[in-house]
Amino acid sequence: MASVLAVAVLVSLFGLHVSTAAYLFCVTIWKAKLRPSRAALLGLSTALFFFVSFEYAFKLPLPKGPLLGLFGIY
């Protein structure tokens, strides 16, 4: 329950893509006992896949949060 609340707060602050990468990074280190380099690769590649597939392929905007707006992605 606490992880669901944490993801909801992260999505509102940083957007869905950054939150997905952070959540997968933490969970794969904690539960799957992956090395941090592999966990980072998994988190970043999954977030990138979701970004490209939803934003460009399906033209479906997902929550980005104020962080990506600072980089001009929003």
Protein backbone atom coordinates (compact mmCIF):
# COMPACT_ATOMS: atom_id res chain seq x y z
CA MET A 1 0.00 0.00 0.00
CA ALA A 2 2.84 2.37 0.76
CA SER A 3 4.42 1.75 -2.65
CA VAL A 4 1.16 2.65 -4.41
CA LEU A 5 0.99 5.90 -2.48
CA ALA A 6 4.63 6.62 -3.26
CA VAL A 7 4.08 6.06 -6.99
CA ALA A 8 1.01 8.31 -6.94
CA VAL A 9 3.02 11.10 -5.31
CA LEU A 10 5.89 10.58 -7.76
CA VAL A 11 3.53 10.74 -10.75
CA SER A 12 2.07 14.02 -9.57
CA LEU A 13 5.52 15.51 -8.99
CA PHE A 14 7.63 14.07 -11.81
CA GLY A 15 5.20 12.57 -14.31
CA LEU A 16 4.51 9.01 -15.33
CA HIS A 17 7.69 8.26 -17.26
CA VAL A 18 10.15 9.38 -14.60
CA SER A 19 8.08 7.68 -11.90
CA THR A 20 8.03 4.43 -13.86
CA ALA A 21 11.80 4.46 -14.20
CA ALA A 22 12.31 5.23 -10.50
CA TYR A 23 9.78 2.64 -9.35
CA LEU A 24 11.22 -0.14 -11.51
CA PHE A 25 14.74 0.78 -10.42
CA CYS A 26 13.86 0.53 -6.73
CA VAL A 27 11.71 -2.58 -6.99
CA THR A 28 14.15 -4.57 -9.09
CA ILE A 29 16.99 -3.81 -6.69
CA TRP A 30 14.85 -4.55 -3.64
CA LYS A 31 12.83 -7.59 -4.77
CA ALA A 32 14.75 -9.09 -7.68
CA LYS A 33 18.20 -8.29 -6.23
CA LEU A 34 19.51 -6.97 -9.54
CA ARG A 35 22.67 -4.94 -9.76
CA PRO A 36 22.04 -1.19 -9.87
CA SER A 37 23.35 -0.92 -13.43
CA ARG A 38 20.91 -3.54 -14.70
CA ALA A 39 18.07 -2.07 -12.66
CA ALA A 40 18.76 1.38 -14.13
CA LEU A 41 18.86 -0.06 -17.63
CA LEU A 42 15.54 -1.82 -17.07
CA GLY A 43 13.87 1.26 -15.61
CA LEU A 44 15.13 3.65 -18.27
CA SER A 45 14.42 1.34 -21.20
CA THR A 46 10.87 0.65 -19.98
CA ALA A 47 10.15 4.35 -19.46
CA LEU A 48 11.59 5.15 -22.90
CA PHE A 49 9.48 2.42 -24.49
CA PHE A 50 6.31 3.77 -22.85
CA PHE A 51 7.19 7.33 -23.86
CA VAL A 52 7.80 6.48 -27.51
CA SER A 53 4.88 4.09 -27.86
CA PHE A 54 2.24 6.26 -26.19
CA GLU A 55 3.43 9.73 -27.22
CA TYR A 56 4.37 9.02 -30.82
CA ALA A 57 2.76 5.77 -31.93
CA PHE A 58 -0.65 6.18 -30.26
CA LYS A 59 -0.61 10.00 -29.91
CA LEU A 60 -1.84 9.58 -26.33
CA PRO A 61 -0.35 12.08 -23.90
CA LEU A 62 0.33 10.75 -20.42
CA PRO A 63 0.98 12.81 -17.27
CA LYS A 64 4.41 14.43 -17.52
CA GLY A 65 4.57 16.60 -14.44
CA PRO A 66 6.45 19.87 -14.07
CA LEU A 67 9.92 18.29 -14.38
CA LEU A 68 9.63 17.42 -18.06
CA GLY A 69 8.11 20.83 -18.73
CA LEU A 70 11.38 22.40 -17.62
CA PHE A 71 13.22 20.45 -20.32
CA GLY A 72 10.75 21.48 -23.00
CA ILE A 73 9.46 17.97 -23.58
CA TYR A 74 5.91 18.83 -22.55
